Amino acid sequence: SEEKNEFLIRIISSIQEDIVELDKFFKKLKDEHVLLLNKAYSDEFNGIKKRINDLLRITSHLLDIQKIDSHNITLIQNNYSLSEIVLTKIVTLKKEAESKHITITQDIQPAIILYCDKPRMEQVVETLILNAIEFSPHENAHIHITLQRNNDIIKLVVKDNGIGIKRENLELIFYRLYRIDPALQLTYNSDG
């Protein structure tokens, strides 16, 4: 119902506002050098910061889902450089990958322009890369990202050496928030 959707949007927005305030507080602590960050505290601080970023991303995705369900999402489309979007996301997520001993390589064709909603496209690219990071093995992990244009077809490939998806389960990946193996929910925490 419309009331339920509005209620959920208010709740999620409220949680997101609290997370943003927490994020601001942690940035202020770090910026003002209030924390004398020795190695132990630095690692703990970075872990908390990562969880804050994860919560911000998850609440943002939940808000988007509610807006889509209530037919209340606005897409602002224009011509954007998909090459820049992908390269920016790689740079942003490379540190997280390296912290898990994952190597990211890339083959990005420059100047690929796409008519799209930029925040939604950034979200898609980020989710693909984060899933590759999340489901890659702990040893000898490698992610290779390719972006190519061939006439009117743009191909973005995020390839990893992770656990993979069985062929018979490939169609299931398009069901929102569906997990192929619910047992993985206990081990992995990506958005799907």
Protein backbone atom coordinates (compact mmCIF):
# COMPACT_ATOMS: atom_id res chain seq x y z
CA SER A 1 0.00 0.00 0.00
CA GLU A 2 1.03 3.60 -0.46
CA GLU A 3 1.04 4.24 3.32
CA LYS A 4 3.34 1.27 3.88
CA ASN A 5 5.75 2.48 1.19
CA GLU A 6 5.80 6.00 2.64
CA PHE A 7 6.37 4.60 6.14
CA LEU A 8 9.28 2.43 4.96
CA ILE A 9 10.83 5.32 3.05
CA ARG A 10 10.63 7.51 6.20
CA ILE A 11 12.19 4.78 8.37
CA ILE A 12 15.00 4.04 5.92
CA SER A 13 15.64 7.77 5.42
CA SER A 14 15.83 8.26 9.19
CA ILE A 15 18.33 5.41 9.55
CA GLN A 16 20.34 6.82 6.67
CA GLU A 17 20.41 10.29 8.30
CA ASP A 18 21.75 8.73 11.53
CA ILE A 19 24.44 6.87 9.60
CA VAL A 20 25.44 10.09 7.80
CA GLU A 21 25.80 11.86 11.18
CA LEU A 22 27.94 8.98 12.46
CA ASP A 23 30.05 9.20 9.31
CA LYS A 24 30.53 12.97 9.84
CA PHE A 25 31.59 12.33 13.44
CA PHE A 26 34.22 9.78 12.39
CA LYS A 27 35.53 12.12 9.68
CA LYS A 28 35.81 14.91 12.27
CA LEU A 29 37.71 12.65 14.65
CA LYS A 30 40.15 11.68 11.97
CA ASP A 31 40.49 15.22 10.57
CA GLU A 32 41.13 16.79 13.96
CA HIS A 33 43.59 14.05 14.91
CA VAL A 34 41.62 13.45 18.09
CA LEU A 35 42.49 9.80 17.72
CA LEU A 36 46.16 9.06 18.03
CA LEU A 37 45.85 6.21 15.63
CA ASN A 38 48.32 3.51 16.43
CA LYS A 39 48.11 0.36 14.29
CA ALA A 40 45.45 -1.39 16.40
CA TYR A 41 43.15 1.61 16.60
CA SER A 42 43.75 2.53 12.98
CA ASP A 43 42.61 -0.91 11.79
CA GLU A 44 39.58 -0.78 14.09
CA PHE A 45 38.74 2.75 12.95
CA ASN A 46 38.99 1.72 9.28
CA GLY A 47 36.79 -1.32 9.94
CA ILE A 48 34.09 0.86 11.50
CA LYS A 49 34.39 3.34 8.63
CA LYS A 50 33.92 0.49 6.13
CA ARG A 51 30.80 -0.70 7.96
CA ILE A 52 29.41 2.86 7.92
CA ASN A 53 29.97 3.03 4.15
CA ASP A 54 28.34 -0.39 3.71
CA LEU A 55 25.30 0.74 5.73
CA LEU A 56 25.01 3.94 3.69
CA ARG A 57 25.11 1.92 0.46
CA ILE A 58 22.56 -0.62 1.74
CA THR A 59 20.11 2.04 2.97
CA SER A 60 20.48 3.87 -0.33
CA HIS A 61 19.63 0.65 -2.20
CA LEU A 62 16.64 0.01 0.11
CA LEU A 63 15.34 3.52 -0.58
CA ASP A 64 15.70 2.92 -4.31
CA ILE A 65 13.78 -0.37 -4.05
CA GLN A 66 10.96 1.35 -2.15
CA LYS A 67 10.84 4.17 -4.70
CA ILE A 68 10.72 1.68 -7.57
CA ASP A 69 7.96 -0.33 -5.87
CA SER A 70 5.92 2.82 -5.30
CA HIS A 71 6.58 4.03 -8.87
CA ASN A 72 8.15 7.12 -7.35
CA ILE A 73 11.67 7.00 -8.78
CA THR A 74 12.92 9.74 -11.04
CA LEU A 75 15.59 8.94 -13.59
CA ILE A 76 17.65 11.84 -14.84
CA GLN A 77 19.20 10.66 -18.07
CA ASN A 78 21.88 12.33 -20.08
CA ASN A 79 25.03 11.42 -22.02
CA TYR A 80 27.77 10.32 -19.62
CA SER A 81 31.17 8.76 -20.04
CA LEU A 82 30.73 5.14 -19.01
CA SER A 83 34.51 4.81 -19.25
CA GLU A 84 34.93 7.47 -16.54
CA ILE A 85 32.20 5.93 -14.37
CA VAL A 86 33.90 2.50 -14.49
CA LEU A 87 37.42 3.89 -13.94
CA THR A 88 36.23 5.99 -10.98
CA LYS A 89 34.57 2.97 -9.35
CA ILE A 90 37.71 0.88 -9.87
CA VAL A 91 39.83 3.54 -8.15
CA THR A 92 37.28 3.89 -5.33
CA LEU A 93 37.06 0.13 -4.67
CA LYS A 94 40.70 -0.81 -5.32
CA LYS A 95 41.72 -0.19 -1.70
CA GLU A 96 39.00 -2.53 -0.44
CA ALA A 97 40.13 -5.20 -2.91
CA GLU A 98 43.77 -4.79 -1.91
CA SER A 99 42.85 -5.12 1.77
CA LYS A 100 41.57 -8.61 0.85
CA HIS A 101 44.67 -9.39 -1.25
CA ILE A 102 42.70 -9.11 -4.49
CA THR A 103 44.32 -7.74 -7.63
CA ILE A 104 42.19 -5.67 -10.00
CA THR A 105 43.27 -5.24 -13.60
CA GLN A 106 41.42 -3.39 -16.32
CA ASP A 107 41.03 -2.96 -20.03
CA ILE A 108 38.79 0.10 -20.40
CA GLN A 109 38.16 1.54 -23.84
CA PRO A 110 38.24 5.35 -23.47
CA ALA A 111 35.44 7.76 -24.34
CA ILE A 112 32.50 5.35 -24.32
CA ILE A 113 29.45 7.59 -23.97
CA LEU A 114 26.15 6.18 -22.71
CA TYR A 115 22.75 7.81 -22.36
CA CYS A 116 21.81 6.83 -18.80
CA ASP A 117 20.95 7.89 -15.28
CA LYS A 118 24.46 8.39 -13.87
CA PRO A 119 23.78 7.51 -10.19
CA ARG A 120 21.99 4.29 -11.22
CA MET A 121 24.79 3.32 -13.60
CA GLU A 122 27.36 4.02 -10.85
CA GLN A 123 25.31 1.81 -8.55
CA VAL A 124 25.26 -1.05 -11.08
CA VAL A 125 29.02 -0.86 -11.71
CA GLU A 126 29.75 -0.64 -7.98
CA THR A 127 27.54 -3.64 -7.20
CA LEU A 128 29.21 -5.76 -9.90
CA ILE A 129 32.70 -4.95 -8.60
CA LEU A 130 31.72 -5.35 -4.92
CA ASN A 131 30.18 -8.75 -5.65
CA ALA A 132 33.38 -9.80 -7.41
CA ILE A 133 35.40 -8.67 -4.38
CA GLU A 134 33.04 -10.36 -1.94
CA PHE A 135 32.94 -13.71 -3.72
CA SER A 136 36.60 -13.96 -4.71
CA PRO A 137 38.80 -16.53 -2.96
CA HIS A 138 41.12 -15.44 -0.17
CA GLU A 139 44.26 -16.53 -2.02
CA ASN A 140 45.39 -15.64 -5.54
CA ALA A 141 42.26 -13.59 -6.11
CA HIS A 142 42.07 -11.62 -9.32
CA ILE A 143 39.37 -9.43 -10.87
CA HIS A 144 39.62 -8.22 -14.45
CA ILE A 145 37.28 -5.49 -15.66
CA THR A 146 36.73 -4.92 -19.37
CA LEU A 147 34.69 -2.19 -21.06
CA GLN A 148 34.38 -2.24 -24.86
CA ARG A 149 32.18 -0.78 -27.53
CA ASN A 150 31.59 -2.59 -30.80
CA ASN A 151 29.27 -0.51 -32.99
CA ASP A 152 26.04 -0.10 -30.98
CA ILE A 153 26.89 -2.73 -28.37
CA ILE A 154 28.64 -1.82 -25.13
CA LYS A 155 30.06 -4.71 -23.15
CA LEU A 156 31.06 -4.42 -19.49
CA VAL A 157 32.62 -7.57 -18.04
CA VAL A 158 33.64 -8.00 -14.40
CA LYS A 159 35.42 -11.34 -14.31
CA ASP A 160 36.78 -12.92 -11.15
CA ASN A 161 38.10 -16.29 -10.05
CA GLY A 162 35.47 -16.65 -7.32
CA ILE A 163 32.94 -19.38 -6.59
CA GLY A 164 30.84 -18.67 -9.69
CA ILE A 165 27.18 -19.41 -10.41
CA LYS A 166 25.95 -22.70 -11.80
CA ARG A 167 24.48 -22.42 -15.30
CA GLU A 168 21.02 -23.58 -14.09
CA ASN A 169 20.97 -20.70 -11.57
CA LEU A 170 21.93 -17.87 -13.96
CA GLU A 171 18.33 -16.74 -14.57
CA LEU A 172 17.78 -16.39 -10.81
CA ILE A 173 20.28 -13.54 -10.52
CA PHE A 174 17.70 -11.15 -11.93
CA TYR A 175 15.31 -11.67 -9.02
CA ARG A 176 15.75 -8.75 -6.64
CA LEU A 177 17.73 -9.59 -3.48
CA TYR A 178 17.63 -13.31 -4.28
CA ARG A 179 20.43 -15.50 -2.99
CA ILE A 180 21.35 -18.56 -5.04
CA ASP A 181 22.50 -20.34 -1.89
CA PRO A 182 20.95 -19.00 1.33
CA ALA A 183 23.87 -20.52 3.27
CA LEU A 184 26.12 -17.93 1.62
CA GLN A 185 24.17 -15.21 3.43
CA LEU A 186 25.97 -16.23 6.60
CA THR A 187 29.38 -15.91 4.95
CA TYR A 188 28.97 -13.08 2.47
CA ASN A 189 27.22 -9.73 2.92
CA SER A 190 26.94 -8.16 -0.52
CA ASP A 191 23.77 -6.54 -1.81
CA GLY A 192 23.11 -8.89 -4.72
